[in-house]
C-alpha cells in the first residue's frame, strides 16, 4: 500500500525535493510497525533499503566477541538509517532495533540509490551524515576501551551533553540502554547514578538529566582523577 506523501515532509532529507519526486518515492515506500526490541535492520541481510523513522525510537547495536550487546547510536523521529548498505550494496554494519514501539518507512535500495545520486544536495547531506556517524561510532568504541564502568558512564554522559556544551540532556536513555551503550550491567549504572547524584554532579527528573559539574565528568572520563570507590 503506497505511503501518503505528507509523511515525507517530516524528514529533513526529503522535504525540499520536488513534489513529483516525493510522490514517486511515496508510491514505492512501505510502512512497517515495530514492537519494542524488534529488528528494523539486520547486519546479516543485503538489500534492505533506506529506512525513515516516522514514530518511536531506534538504536544501532552490535555484539562483542563474548556476546554482550553494545549500543552505538540512536535513531530519532524524522531521521533515517541504513544508508551505508544503500551506498555499498552490502549487509548492515550493525543491527538497528526498536527501543520503543515504532513506525518505519522503507524505500527499496535501488530506488533510494537512484534518488540519492540524482540529487547533489541529498548526496551531500548523506555524505556529511556518514562522516558524522563514523566519528560517533569511533568515539563510542574508544569509550568502550576505558577500563572502569563508572569512567565509561561519565564519558557517555559527556558525549550526550555535546562534550559539556549542554547543561541538560533531554530524552536521556534508560538505565538499561545506558548499560548496553557502555557494556556493563543495569545495576552498575544505577549505583553510578546514585553516586553522581549524591555528589551533586547531576540531577535527574524523569528522562531529563541536568549536569551541574561538567569538570568532574571530564576529569573522571580522561583519567585525571580516580573513580570513587563507593
N, C-alpha and C. Protein backbone atom coordinates (compact mmCIF):
# COMPACT_ATOMS: atom_id res chain seq x y z
N UNK A 1 0.85 -1.19 0.00
CA UNK A 1 0.00 0.00 0.00
C UNK A 1 0.89 1.24 0.00
N UNK A 2 0.67 2.19 -0.95
CA UNK A 2 1.51 3.39 -1.00
C UNK A 2 1.41 4.21 0.28
N UNK A 3 2.48 4.93 0.59
CA UNK A 3 2.54 5.80 1.75
C UNK A 3 2.05 7.19 1.36
N UNK A 4 1.32 7.85 2.24
CA UNK A 4 0.84 9.20 1.93
C UNK A 4 2.02 10.15 1.83
N UNK A 5 2.03 10.97 0.80
CA UNK A 5 3.17 11.84 0.53
C UNK A 5 3.41 12.83 1.66
N UNK A 6 2.37 13.18 2.43
CA UNK A 6 2.55 14.14 3.52
C UNK A 6 3.52 13.63 4.58
N UNK A 7 3.62 12.31 4.72
CA UNK A 7 4.56 11.75 5.69
C UNK A 7 5.99 12.17 5.37
N UNK A 8 6.30 12.31 4.10
CA UNK A 8 7.68 12.56 3.69
C UNK A 8 8.15 13.96 4.06
N UNK A 9 7.21 14.88 4.30
CA UNK A 9 7.59 16.24 4.68
C UNK A 9 8.15 16.29 6.10
N UNK A 10 8.02 15.21 6.85
CA UNK A 10 8.55 15.17 8.22
C UNK A 10 10.06 14.93 8.25
N UNK A 11 10.64 14.60 7.10
CA UNK A 11 12.05 14.23 7.05
C UNK A 11 12.87 15.32 6.34
N UNK A 12 13.87 15.83 7.08
CA UNK A 12 14.69 16.92 6.53
C UNK A 12 15.38 16.50 5.24
N UNK A 13 15.73 15.23 5.11
CA UNK A 13 16.42 14.76 3.92
C UNK A 13 15.53 14.85 2.68
N UNK A 14 14.21 14.79 2.86
CA UNK A 14 13.29 14.69 1.74
C UNK A 14 12.47 15.94 1.47
N UNK A 15 12.21 16.74 2.48
CA UNK A 15 11.15 17.74 2.37
C UNK A 15 11.38 18.79 1.27
N UNK A 16 12.63 19.03 0.85
CA UNK A 16 12.89 20.04 -0.18
C UNK A 16 12.93 19.48 -1.59
N UNK A 17 12.64 18.19 -1.75
CA UNK A 17 12.63 17.59 -3.08
C UNK A 17 11.39 18.04 -3.85
N UNK A 18 11.46 18.03 -5.17
CA UNK A 18 10.28 18.40 -5.97
C UNK A 18 9.08 17.52 -5.65
N UNK A 19 7.90 18.08 -5.81
CA UNK A 19 6.67 17.35 -5.48
C UNK A 19 6.54 16.06 -6.28
N UNK A 20 6.94 16.09 -7.54
CA UNK A 20 6.83 14.88 -8.37
C UNK A 20 7.75 13.78 -7.84
N UNK A 21 8.95 14.17 -7.35
CA UNK A 21 9.88 13.19 -6.79
C UNK A 21 9.32 12.60 -5.50
N UNK A 22 8.76 13.45 -4.65
CA UNK A 22 8.17 12.97 -3.39
C UNK A 22 7.02 12.00 -3.66
N UNK A 23 6.20 12.32 -4.65
CA UNK A 23 5.08 11.45 -4.97
C UNK A 23 5.57 10.09 -5.47
N UNK A 24 6.64 10.10 -6.25
CA UNK A 24 7.20 8.85 -6.76
C UNK A 24 7.78 8.01 -5.63
N UNK A 25 8.49 8.67 -4.70
CA UNK A 25 9.07 7.95 -3.57
C UNK A 25 7.97 7.38 -2.69
N UNK A 26 6.95 8.20 -2.40
CA UNK A 26 5.86 7.75 -1.52
C UNK A 26 5.14 6.55 -2.11
N UNK A 27 4.97 6.54 -3.42
CA UNK A 27 4.26 5.44 -4.08
C UNK A 27 5.02 4.13 -4.00
N UNK A 28 6.33 4.20 -3.73
CA UNK A 28 7.16 3.00 -3.69
C UNK A 28 7.63 2.64 -2.29
N UNK A 29 7.20 3.39 -1.29
CA UNK A 29 7.57 3.11 0.09
C UNK A 29 6.59 2.15 0.74
N UNK A 30 7.05 1.49 1.78
CA UNK A 30 6.18 0.64 2.59
C UNK A 30 6.28 1.08 4.05
N UNK A 31 5.19 0.91 4.77
CA UNK A 31 5.13 1.27 6.19
C UNK A 31 5.19 0.01 7.03
N UNK A 32 6.09 0.00 8.01
CA UNK A 32 6.24 -1.18 8.88
C UNK A 32 6.13 -0.76 10.34
N UNK A 33 5.31 -1.47 11.10
CA UNK A 33 5.19 -1.23 12.54
C UNK A 33 6.10 -2.20 13.28
N UNK A 34 6.81 -1.69 14.27
CA UNK A 34 7.76 -2.50 15.03
C UNK A 34 7.41 -2.46 16.50
N UNK A 35 7.43 -3.61 17.13
CA UNK A 35 7.28 -3.66 18.58
C UNK A 35 8.65 -3.46 19.22
N UNK A 36 8.67 -3.20 20.52
CA UNK A 36 9.93 -2.97 21.21
C UNK A 36 10.83 -4.19 21.10
N UNK A 37 12.10 -3.94 20.80
CA UNK A 37 13.16 -4.94 20.63
C UNK A 37 13.08 -5.68 19.29
N UNK A 38 12.15 -5.29 18.42
CA UNK A 38 12.09 -5.91 17.10
C UNK A 38 13.18 -5.32 16.21
N UNK A 39 13.73 -6.13 15.34
CA UNK A 39 14.82 -5.70 14.46
C UNK A 39 14.26 -4.93 13.27
N UNK A 40 14.75 -3.70 13.09
CA UNK A 40 14.36 -2.89 11.93
C UNK A 40 15.31 -3.13 10.77
N UNK A 41 16.58 -3.35 11.06
CA UNK A 41 17.59 -3.57 10.03
C UNK A 41 18.59 -4.57 10.57
N UNK A 42 18.89 -5.59 9.77
CA UNK A 42 19.78 -6.66 10.21
C UNK A 42 21.16 -6.52 9.57
N UNK A 43 22.17 -6.96 10.27
CA UNK A 43 23.51 -6.96 9.70
C UNK A 43 23.80 -8.23 8.91
N UNK A 44 22.81 -9.09 8.78
CA UNK A 44 23.00 -10.36 8.07
C UNK A 44 22.26 -10.40 6.74
N UNK A 45 21.51 -9.32 6.42
CA UNK A 45 20.73 -9.31 5.19
C UNK A 45 21.18 -8.18 4.27
N UNK A 46 21.11 -8.42 2.97
CA UNK A 46 21.50 -7.45 1.96
C UNK A 46 20.26 -6.88 1.29
N UNK A 47 20.35 -5.61 0.87
CA UNK A 47 19.27 -5.02 0.09
C UNK A 47 18.02 -4.68 0.86
N UNK A 48 18.18 -4.26 2.12
CA UNK A 48 17.01 -3.96 2.96
C UNK A 48 16.43 -2.58 2.71
N UNK A 49 17.15 -1.74 2.00
CA UNK A 49 16.62 -0.42 1.66
C UNK A 49 16.95 0.65 2.67
N UNK A 50 16.44 1.84 2.41
CA UNK A 50 16.66 3.01 3.27
C UNK A 50 15.46 3.19 4.16
N UNK A 51 15.69 3.26 5.49
CA UNK A 51 14.61 3.39 6.44
C UNK A 51 14.45 4.82 6.95
N UNK A 52 13.22 5.23 7.19
CA UNK A 52 12.90 6.54 7.74
C UNK A 52 12.02 6.33 8.97
N UNK A 53 12.44 6.88 10.10
CA UNK A 53 11.69 6.67 11.35
C UNK A 53 10.57 7.69 11.47
N UNK A 54 9.35 7.20 11.35
CA UNK A 54 8.17 8.06 11.43
C UNK A 54 7.76 8.31 12.88
N UNK A 55 7.77 7.27 13.69
CA UNK A 55 7.41 7.37 15.11
C UNK A 55 8.26 6.41 15.91
N UNK A 56 8.52 6.74 17.18
CA UNK A 56 9.24 5.86 18.08
C UNK A 56 10.72 6.21 18.18
N UNK A 57 11.52 5.20 18.47
CA UNK A 57 12.96 5.40 18.64
C UNK A 57 13.67 4.08 18.33
N UNK A 58 14.79 4.18 17.63
CA UNK A 58 15.59 3.00 17.27
C UNK A 58 16.99 3.16 17.81
N UNK A 59 17.71 2.05 17.89
CA UNK A 59 19.10 2.08 18.35
C UNK A 59 19.93 1.14 17.49
N UNK A 60 21.10 1.62 17.08
CA UNK A 60 22.07 0.77 16.40
C UNK A 60 22.86 0.02 17.45
N UNK A 61 22.94 -1.30 17.31
CA UNK A 61 23.63 -2.13 18.30
C UNK A 61 24.54 -3.14 17.60
N UNK A 62 25.57 -3.55 18.30
CA UNK A 62 26.45 -4.62 17.83
C UNK A 62 26.75 -5.52 19.02
N UNK A 63 27.54 -6.55 18.81
CA UNK A 63 27.81 -7.52 19.88
C UNK A 63 29.31 -7.74 20.00
N UNK A 64 29.77 -7.87 21.24
CA UNK A 64 31.17 -8.17 21.49
C UNK A 64 31.42 -9.65 21.21
N UNK A 65 32.68 -10.06 21.22
CA UNK A 65 33.01 -11.46 20.92
C UNK A 65 32.43 -12.41 21.95
N UNK A 66 32.15 -11.92 23.16
CA UNK A 66 31.56 -12.79 24.18
C UNK A 66 30.04 -12.67 24.23
N UNK A 67 29.46 -12.02 23.21
CA UNK A 67 28.01 -11.99 23.09
C UNK A 67 27.31 -10.85 23.78
N UNK A 68 28.05 -9.90 24.35
CA UNK A 68 27.41 -8.76 25.02
C UNK A 68 26.91 -7.75 23.99
N UNK A 69 25.71 -7.25 24.21
CA UNK A 69 25.13 -6.24 23.32
C UNK A 69 25.70 -4.86 23.66
N UNK A 70 26.10 -4.12 22.63
CA UNK A 70 26.67 -2.79 22.83
C UNK A 70 25.90 -1.79 21.97
N UNK A 71 25.37 -0.74 22.61
CA UNK A 71 24.65 0.30 21.88
C UNK A 71 25.61 1.29 21.25
N UNK A 72 25.37 1.66 19.98
CA UNK A 72 26.28 2.54 19.25
C UNK A 72 25.71 3.93 19.01
N UNK A 73 24.42 4.01 18.69
CA UNK A 73 23.80 5.30 18.40
C UNK A 73 22.29 5.13 18.43
N UNK A 74 21.57 6.25 18.47
CA UNK A 74 20.11 6.24 18.42
C UNK A 74 19.63 6.85 17.12
N UNK A 75 18.48 6.40 16.67
CA UNK A 75 17.79 7.00 15.53
C UNK A 75 16.51 7.62 16.07
N UNK A 76 16.35 8.92 15.90
CA UNK A 76 15.21 9.64 16.44
C UNK A 76 14.17 9.87 15.34
N UNK A 77 12.97 10.27 15.76
CA UNK A 77 11.91 10.56 14.80
C UNK A 77 12.37 11.61 13.79
N UNK A 78 12.05 11.40 12.52
CA UNK A 78 12.46 12.32 11.47
C UNK A 78 13.82 12.02 10.91
N UNK A 79 14.47 10.97 11.42
CA UNK A 79 15.81 10.60 10.97
C UNK A 79 15.71 9.39 10.04
N UNK A 80 16.83 9.05 9.42
CA UNK A 80 16.86 7.91 8.52
C UNK A 80 18.01 6.99 8.90
N UNK A 81 18.03 5.78 8.34
CA UNK A 81 19.06 4.80 8.68
C UNK A 81 19.19 3.80 7.53
N UNK A 82 20.29 3.06 7.54
CA UNK A 82 20.52 2.05 6.50
C UNK A 82 21.22 2.59 5.28
N UNK A 83 21.71 3.84 5.36
CA UNK A 83 22.32 4.47 4.19
C UNK A 83 23.61 3.78 3.74
N UNK A 84 24.35 3.20 4.69
CA UNK A 84 25.61 2.54 4.32
C UNK A 84 25.35 1.37 3.37
N UNK A 85 24.35 0.58 3.67
CA UNK A 85 24.02 -0.57 2.82
C UNK A 85 23.49 -0.11 1.46
N UNK A 86 22.76 1.00 1.46
CA UNK A 86 22.26 1.53 0.19
C UNK A 86 23.42 1.92 -0.72
N UNK A 87 24.45 2.51 -0.13
CA UNK A 87 25.59 3.00 -0.92
C UNK A 87 26.44 1.86 -1.43
N UNK A 88 26.79 0.89 -0.57
CA UNK A 88 27.75 -0.13 -1.00
C UNK A 88 27.13 -1.48 -1.35
N UNK A 89 25.83 -1.64 -1.11
CA UNK A 89 25.15 -2.87 -1.51
C UNK A 89 25.44 -4.06 -0.62
N UNK A 90 26.08 -3.85 0.52
CA UNK A 90 26.38 -4.94 1.42
C UNK A 90 25.40 -4.95 2.60
N UNK A 91 25.52 -5.96 3.45
CA UNK A 91 24.68 -6.04 4.64
C UNK A 91 25.03 -4.91 5.60
N UNK A 92 24.16 -4.65 6.56
CA UNK A 92 24.40 -3.58 7.51
C UNK A 92 25.63 -3.83 8.36
N UNK A 93 26.20 -2.73 8.87
CA UNK A 93 27.38 -2.85 9.73
C UNK A 93 27.00 -3.19 11.16
N UNK A 94 25.72 -3.03 11.51
CA UNK A 94 25.21 -3.34 12.83
C UNK A 94 23.72 -3.62 12.72
N UNK A 95 23.12 -4.08 13.81
CA UNK A 95 21.68 -4.24 13.86
C UNK A 95 21.06 -2.90 14.26
N UNK A 96 19.87 -2.62 13.73
CA UNK A 96 19.09 -1.48 14.20
C UNK A 96 17.80 -2.04 14.77
N UNK A 97 17.57 -1.78 16.05
CA UNK A 97 16.41 -2.36 16.74
C UNK A 97 15.52 -1.25 17.29
N UNK A 98 14.26 -1.58 17.50
CA UNK A 98 13.33 -0.64 18.11
C UNK A 98 13.49 -0.68 19.63
N UNK A 99 13.71 0.48 20.24
CA UNK A 99 13.76 0.55 21.71
C UNK A 99 12.44 1.06 22.27
N UNK A 100 11.52 1.35 21.36
CA UNK A 100 10.14 1.70 21.72
C UNK A 100 9.27 1.30 20.54
N UNK A 101 7.98 1.20 20.76
CA UNK A 101 7.08 0.90 19.65
C UNK A 101 7.27 1.94 18.56
N UNK A 102 7.49 1.50 17.33
CA UNK A 102 7.91 2.42 16.27
C UNK A 102 7.20 2.14 14.95
N UNK A 103 7.20 3.16 14.10
CA UNK A 103 6.72 3.02 12.73
C UNK A 103 7.82 3.52 11.79
N UNK A 104 8.12 2.70 10.79
CA UNK A 104 9.23 2.97 9.90
C UNK A 104 8.76 2.90 8.45
N UNK A 105 9.23 3.86 7.64
CA UNK A 105 9.02 3.81 6.20
C UNK A 105 10.27 3.23 5.55
N UNK A 106 10.09 2.32 4.60
CA UNK A 106 11.22 1.74 3.89
C UNK A 106 11.12 2.06 2.40
N UNK A 107 12.25 2.52 1.84
CA UNK A 107 12.37 2.78 0.42
C UNK A 107 13.31 1.74 -0.17
N UNK A 108 12.89 1.00 -1.22
CA UNK A 108 13.76 -0.03 -1.79
C UNK A 108 15.13 0.51 -2.16
N UNK A 109 16.15 -0.33 -2.00
CA UNK A 109 17.53 0.09 -2.18
C UNK A 109 17.80 0.72 -3.55
N UNK A 110 17.37 0.08 -4.62
CA UNK A 110 17.67 0.59 -5.96
C UNK A 110 17.09 1.98 -6.18
N UNK A 111 15.86 2.18 -5.72
CA UNK A 111 15.23 3.49 -5.88
C UNK A 111 15.91 4.52 -4.98
N UNK A 112 16.26 4.10 -3.74
CA UNK A 112 16.96 5.01 -2.83
C UNK A 112 18.29 5.45 -3.42
N UNK A 113 19.01 4.50 -3.96
CA UNK A 113 20.32 4.80 -4.55
C UNK A 113 20.17 5.77 -5.73
N UNK A 114 19.15 5.56 -6.55
CA UNK A 114 18.94 6.42 -7.71
C UNK A 114 18.63 7.85 -7.30
N UNK A 115 17.73 8.02 -6.32
CA UNK A 115 17.36 9.39 -5.96
C UNK A 115 18.49 10.10 -5.21
N UNK A 116 19.28 9.35 -4.46
CA UNK A 116 20.41 9.96 -3.76
C UNK A 116 21.42 10.53 -4.75
N UNK A 117 21.81 9.72 -5.74
CA UNK A 117 22.84 10.15 -6.67
C UNK A 117 22.32 11.10 -7.74
N UNK A 118 20.99 11.22 -7.84
CA UNK A 118 20.42 12.19 -8.79
C UNK A 118 20.31 13.58 -8.18
N UNK A 119 20.49 13.69 -6.87
CA UNK A 119 20.35 14.98 -6.19
C UNK A 119 21.63 15.32 -5.45
N UNK A 120 22.42 16.29 -5.94
CA UNK A 120 23.66 16.67 -5.26
C UNK A 120 23.43 17.12 -3.81
N UNK A 121 22.30 17.78 -3.56
CA UNK A 121 22.02 18.25 -2.21
C UNK A 121 21.80 17.07 -1.26
N UNK A 122 21.02 16.10 -1.70
CA UNK A 122 20.77 14.91 -0.88
C UNK A 122 22.06 14.13 -0.68
N UNK A 123 22.85 13.98 -1.76
CA UNK A 123 24.11 13.25 -1.66
C UNK A 123 25.06 13.92 -0.68
N UNK A 124 25.10 15.26 -0.70
CA UNK A 124 25.97 15.98 0.24
C UNK A 124 25.51 15.77 1.68
N UNK A 125 24.20 15.87 1.92
CA UNK A 125 23.68 15.64 3.27
C UNK A 125 24.02 14.25 3.76
N UNK A 126 23.91 13.27 2.86
CA UNK A 126 24.17 11.90 3.27
C UNK A 126 25.65 11.68 3.54
N UNK A 127 26.54 12.29 2.74
CA UNK A 127 27.97 12.17 3.00
C UNK A 127 28.35 12.79 4.34
N UNK A 128 27.78 13.95 4.63
CA UNK A 128 28.05 14.59 5.92
C UNK A 128 27.54 13.71 7.06
N UNK A 129 26.38 13.10 6.85
CA UNK A 129 25.81 12.23 7.87
C UNK A 129 26.68 10.99 8.08
N UNK A 130 27.17 10.39 6.99
CA UNK A 130 28.04 9.22 7.11
C UNK A 130 29.31 9.58 7.86
N UNK A 131 29.88 10.75 7.56
CA UNK A 131 31.08 11.19 8.27
C UNK A 131 30.80 11.37 9.76
N UNK A 132 29.64 11.97 10.07
CA UNK A 132 29.25 12.15 11.47
C UNK A 132 29.07 10.82 12.18
N UNK A 133 28.44 9.86 11.47
CA UNK A 133 28.21 8.55 12.07
C UNK A 133 29.52 7.82 12.33
N UNK A 134 30.47 7.90 11.38
CA UNK A 134 31.77 7.26 11.56
C UNK A 134 32.49 7.84 12.77
N UNK A 135 32.46 9.17 12.90
CA UNK A 135 33.11 9.81 14.05
C UNK A 135 32.45 9.40 15.36
N UNK A 136 31.11 9.33 15.35
CA UNK A 136 30.39 8.97 16.57
C UNK A 136 30.68 7.53 16.98
N UNK A 137 30.67 6.61 16.02
CA UNK A 137 30.94 5.21 16.33
C UNK A 137 32.38 5.03 16.78
N UNK A 138 33.31 5.76 16.16
CA UNK A 138 34.72 5.71 16.59
C UNK A 138 34.86 6.17 18.03
N UNK A 139 34.19 7.29 18.35
CA UNK A 139 34.24 7.80 19.72
C UNK A 139 33.65 6.80 20.70
N UNK A 140 32.57 6.11 20.27
CA UNK A 140 31.94 5.13 21.16
C UNK A 140 32.86 3.94 21.40
N UNK A 141 33.56 3.51 20.39
CA UNK A 141 34.48 2.38 20.55
C UNK A 141 35.66 2.76 21.44
N UNK A 142 36.13 4.00 21.33
CA UNK A 142 37.19 4.47 22.23
C UNK A 142 36.68 4.48 23.66
N UNK A 143 35.44 4.95 23.83
CA UNK A 143 34.82 4.98 25.17
C UNK A 143 34.79 3.57 25.77
N UNK A 144 34.47 2.58 24.94
CA UNK A 144 34.36 1.21 25.45
C UNK A 144 35.70 0.63 25.87
N UNK A 145 36.80 1.27 25.45
CA UNK A 145 38.13 0.78 25.85
C UNK A 145 38.52 1.26 27.24
N UNK A 146 37.74 2.20 27.81
CA UNK A 146 38.06 2.69 29.16
C UNK A 146 37.87 1.55 30.16
N UNK A 147 38.75 1.44 31.15
CA UNK A 147 38.77 0.23 31.99
C UNK A 147 37.68 0.13 33.05
N UNK A 148 37.08 1.28 33.44
CA UNK A 148 36.16 1.28 34.58
C UNK A 148 34.76 1.68 34.13
N UNK A 149 33.71 0.96 34.54
CA UNK A 149 32.35 1.30 34.12
C UNK A 149 31.92 2.70 34.55
N UNK A 150 32.35 3.14 35.72
CA UNK A 150 32.00 4.50 36.17
C UNK A 150 32.64 5.53 35.25
N UNK A 151 33.87 5.26 34.86
CA UNK A 151 34.57 6.14 33.92
C UNK A 151 33.85 6.17 32.57
N UNK A 152 33.40 5.00 32.11
CA UNK A 152 32.68 4.93 30.84
C UNK A 152 31.35 5.68 30.91
N UNK A 153 30.65 5.58 32.05
CA UNK A 153 29.39 6.30 32.19
C UNK A 153 29.62 7.81 32.14
N UNK A 154 30.64 8.29 32.83
CA UNK A 154 30.94 9.72 32.80
C UNK A 154 31.27 10.19 31.38
N UNK A 155 32.04 9.38 30.67
CA UNK A 155 32.38 9.71 29.28
C UNK A 155 31.13 9.71 28.41
N UNK A 156 30.23 8.76 28.65
CA UNK A 156 29.00 8.69 27.86
C UNK A 156 28.12 9.90 28.13
N UNK A 157 28.01 10.31 29.38
CA UNK A 157 27.20 11.49 29.70
C UNK A 157 27.80 12.74 29.08
N UNK A 158 29.12 12.80 29.02
CA UNK A 158 29.77 13.92 28.33
C UNK A 158 29.40 13.94 26.86
N UNK A 159 29.42 12.79 26.22
CA UNK A 159 29.05 12.72 24.81
C UNK A 159 27.61 13.15 24.60
N UNK A 160 26.71 12.68 25.45
CA UNK A 160 25.30 13.02 25.32
C UNK A 160 25.03 14.50 25.55
N UNK A 161 25.92 15.15 26.30
CA UNK A 161 25.76 16.59 26.56
C UNK A 161 26.54 17.44 25.56
N UNK A 162 27.00 16.81 24.47
CA UNK A 162 27.77 17.56 23.49
C UNK A 162 29.10 18.00 24.03
N UNK A 163 29.76 17.08 24.75
CA UNK A 163 31.05 17.37 25.39
C UNK A 163 30.95 18.55 26.35
N UNK A 164 29.82 18.62 27.05
CA UNK A 164 29.65 19.65 28.07
C UNK A 164 29.07 20.95 27.56
N UNK A 165 28.70 21.00 26.29
CA UNK A 165 28.13 22.23 25.73
C UNK A 165 26.69 22.45 26.20
N UNK A 166 26.02 21.37 26.58
CA UNK A 166 24.64 21.47 27.07
C UNK A 166 24.61 21.10 28.55
N UNK A 167 23.87 21.87 29.32
CA UNK A 167 23.75 21.55 30.75
C UNK A 167 22.63 20.56 31.00
N UNK A 168 21.74 20.37 30.02
CA UNK A 168 20.65 19.43 30.17
C UNK A 168 20.69 18.39 29.06
N UNK A 169 20.44 17.15 29.42
CA UNK A 169 20.31 16.08 28.45
C UNK A 169 18.85 15.66 28.45
N UNK A 170 18.12 16.05 27.43
CA UNK A 170 16.72 15.63 27.32
C UNK A 170 16.69 14.26 26.64
N UNK A 171 15.62 13.54 26.87
CA UNK A 171 15.48 12.19 26.31
C UNK A 171 16.68 11.31 26.69
N UNK A 172 17.06 11.38 27.96
CA UNK A 172 18.14 10.53 28.44
C UNK A 172 17.79 9.07 28.22
N UNK A 173 18.71 8.27 27.69
CA UNK A 173 18.45 6.82 27.55
C UNK A 173 18.12 6.21 28.91
N UNK A 174 17.36 5.13 28.89
CA UNK A 174 17.07 4.43 30.13
C UNK A 174 18.36 3.84 30.69
N UNK A 175 18.30 3.43 31.95
CA UNK A 175 19.49 2.84 32.57
C UNK A 175 19.90 1.55 31.86
N UNK A 176 18.92 0.79 31.39
CA UNK A 176 19.25 -0.42 30.64
C UNK A 176 19.93 -0.06 29.32
N UNK A 177 19.43 0.96 28.64
CA UNK A 177 20.04 1.39 27.38
C UNK A 177 21.46 1.91 27.60
N UNK A 178 21.64 2.67 28.69
CA UNK A 178 22.99 3.16 29.01
C UNK A 178 23.92 2.00 29.32
N UNK A 179 23.40 0.99 30.02
CA UNK A 179 24.22 -0.18 30.34
C UNK A 179 24.69 -0.86 29.06
N UNK A 180 23.80 -0.96 28.07
CA UNK A 180 24.18 -1.56 26.79
C UNK A 180 25.22 -0.69 26.09
N UNK A 181 25.05 0.62 26.17
CA UNK A 181 25.96 1.54 25.48
C UNK A 181 27.37 1.47 26.04
N UNK A 182 27.50 1.25 27.35
CA UNK A 182 28.84 1.27 27.96
C UNK A 182 29.31 -0.12 28.37
N UNK A 183 28.55 -1.14 27.96
CA UNK A 183 28.96 -2.54 28.18
C UNK A 183 29.14 -2.86 29.67
N UNK A 184 28.05 -2.66 30.41
CA UNK A 184 28.05 -3.02 31.82
C UNK A 184 26.63 -3.45 32.20
N UNK A 185 26.39 -3.67 33.49
CA UNK A 185 25.06 -4.10 33.93
C UNK A 185 24.21 -2.89 34.30
N UNK A 186 22.90 -3.09 34.26
CA UNK A 186 22.00 -2.01 34.67
C UNK A 186 22.20 -1.66 36.14
N UNK A 187 22.49 -2.66 36.96
CA UNK A 187 22.70 -2.40 38.39
C UNK A 187 23.92 -1.49 38.60
N UNK A 188 24.96 -1.69 37.80
CA UNK A 188 26.15 -0.83 37.91
C UNK A 188 25.81 0.60 37.52
N UNK A 189 25.01 0.78 36.49
CA UNK A 189 24.58 2.12 36.07
C UNK A 189 23.76 2.77 37.18
N UNK A 190 22.87 2.00 37.80
CA UNK A 190 22.04 2.53 38.89
C UNK A 190 22.91 3.02 40.04
N UNK A 191 23.89 2.20 40.46
CA UNK A 191 24.78 2.61 41.55
C UNK A 191 25.60 3.83 41.17
N UNK A 192 26.04 3.89 39.94
CA UNK A 192 26.86 5.02 39.50
C UNK A 192 26.05 6.31 39.50
N UNK A 193 24.79 6.24 39.07
CA UNK A 193 23.94 7.42 39.09
C UNK A 193 23.67 7.87 40.52
N UNK A 194 23.47 6.92 41.42
CA UNK A 194 23.26 7.28 42.82
C UNK A 194 24.46 8.05 43.36
N UNK A 195 25.65 7.61 42.99
CA UNK A 195 26.87 8.27 43.44
C UNK A 195 26.99 9.66 42.83
N UNK A 196 26.69 9.79 41.55
CA UNK A 196 26.77 11.09 40.90
C UNK A 196 25.75 12.07 41.49
N UNK A 197 24.59 11.56 41.84
CA UNK A 197 23.58 12.43 42.44
C UNK A 197 23.94 12.81 43.87
N UNK A 198 24.52 11.86 44.61
CA UNK A 198 24.95 12.15 45.97
C UNK A 198 26.02 13.24 45.98
N UNK A 199 26.91 13.21 45.01
CA UNK A 199 27.97 14.21 44.89
C UNK A 199 27.49 15.49 44.20
N UNK A 200 26.19 15.52 43.84
CA UNK A 200 25.57 16.67 43.17
C UNK A 200 26.25 17.01 41.84
N UNK A 201 26.74 15.98 41.19
CA UNK A 201 27.31 16.17 39.85
C UNK A 201 26.19 16.27 38.83
N UNK A 202 25.13 15.48 39.02
CA UNK A 202 23.96 15.51 38.14
C UNK A 202 22.71 15.44 39.00
N UNK A 203 21.59 15.82 38.40
CA UNK A 203 20.28 15.59 38.99
C UNK A 203 19.36 15.15 37.88
N UNK A 204 18.39 14.34 38.24
CA UNK A 204 17.54 13.72 37.22
C UNK A 204 16.08 13.91 37.55
N UNK A 205 15.31 14.22 36.52
CA UNK A 205 13.86 14.33 36.65
C UNK A 205 13.24 13.66 35.44
N UNK A 206 12.66 12.48 35.64
CA UNK A 206 12.13 11.73 34.52
C UNK A 206 13.25 11.31 33.59
N UNK A 207 13.09 11.61 32.30
CA UNK A 207 14.14 11.27 31.34
C UNK A 207 15.00 12.48 30.99
N UNK A 208 15.00 13.47 31.88
CA UNK A 208 15.84 14.66 31.69
C UNK A 208 16.92 14.70 32.77
N UNK A 209 18.15 14.87 32.34
CA UNK A 209 19.28 14.91 33.27
C UNK A 209 19.93 16.28 33.19
N UNK A 210 20.14 16.89 34.35
CA UNK A 210 20.86 18.16 34.42
C UNK A 210 22.26 17.92 34.93
N UNK A 211 23.26 18.42 34.21
CA UNK A 211 24.66 18.27 34.59
C UNK A 211 25.10 19.53 35.33
N UNK A 212 25.48 19.37 36.60
CA UNK A 212 25.90 20.50 37.41
C UNK A 212 27.41 20.67 37.46
N UNK A 213 28.14 19.59 37.22
CA UNK A 213 29.60 19.64 37.34
C UNK A 213 30.23 18.91 36.15
N UNK A 214 30.35 19.64 35.05
CA UNK A 214 30.94 19.07 33.84
C UNK A 214 32.40 18.70 34.06
N UNK A 215 33.10 19.51 34.85
CA UNK A 215 34.53 19.28 35.09
C UNK A 215 34.76 17.92 35.75
N UNK A 216 33.90 17.56 36.70
CA UNK A 216 34.04 16.26 37.36
C UNK A 216 33.89 15.12 36.34
N UNK A 217 32.85 15.21 35.50
CA UNK A 217 32.66 14.17 34.48
C UNK A 217 33.87 14.07 33.57
N UNK A 218 34.39 15.22 33.14
CA UNK A 218 35.52 15.22 32.21
C UNK A 218 36.78 14.66 32.87
N UNK A 219 37.04 15.05 34.12
CA UNK A 219 38.26 14.58 34.79
C UNK A 219 38.21 13.08 35.06
N UNK A 220 37.03 12.56 35.37
CA UNK A 220 36.88 11.11 35.52
C UNK A 220 37.07 10.43 34.16
N UNK A 221 36.39 10.94 33.12
CA UNK A 221 36.47 10.33 31.79
C UNK A 221 37.89 10.32 31.25
N UNK A 222 38.64 11.38 31.52
CA UNK A 222 40.01 11.49 31.00
C UNK A 222 41.04 10.83 31.91
N UNK A 223 40.59 10.26 33.04
CA UNK A 223 41.50 9.57 33.93
C UNK A 223 42.37 10.50 34.77
N UNK A 224 41.97 11.77 34.88
CA UNK A 224 42.75 12.72 35.68
C UNK A 224 42.54 12.52 37.17
N UNK A 225 41.36 11.99 37.53
CA UNK A 225 41.13 11.60 38.91
C UNK A 225 40.55 10.19 38.90
N UNK A 226 40.76 9.46 39.96
CA UNK A 226 40.30 8.09 40.04
C UNK A 226 38.78 8.04 40.32
N UNK A 227 38.10 7.06 39.76
CA UNK A 227 36.68 6.89 40.07
C UNK A 227 36.49 6.64 41.55
N UNK A 228 35.43 7.17 42.15
CA UNK A 228 35.17 6.93 43.59
C UNK A 228 35.01 5.44 43.86
N UNK A 229 35.37 5.05 45.05
CA UNK A 229 35.29 3.64 45.44
C UNK A 229 33.89 3.22 45.79
N UNK A 230 33.07 4.15 46.27
CA UNK A 230 31.72 3.80 46.70
C UNK A 230 30.69 4.60 45.93
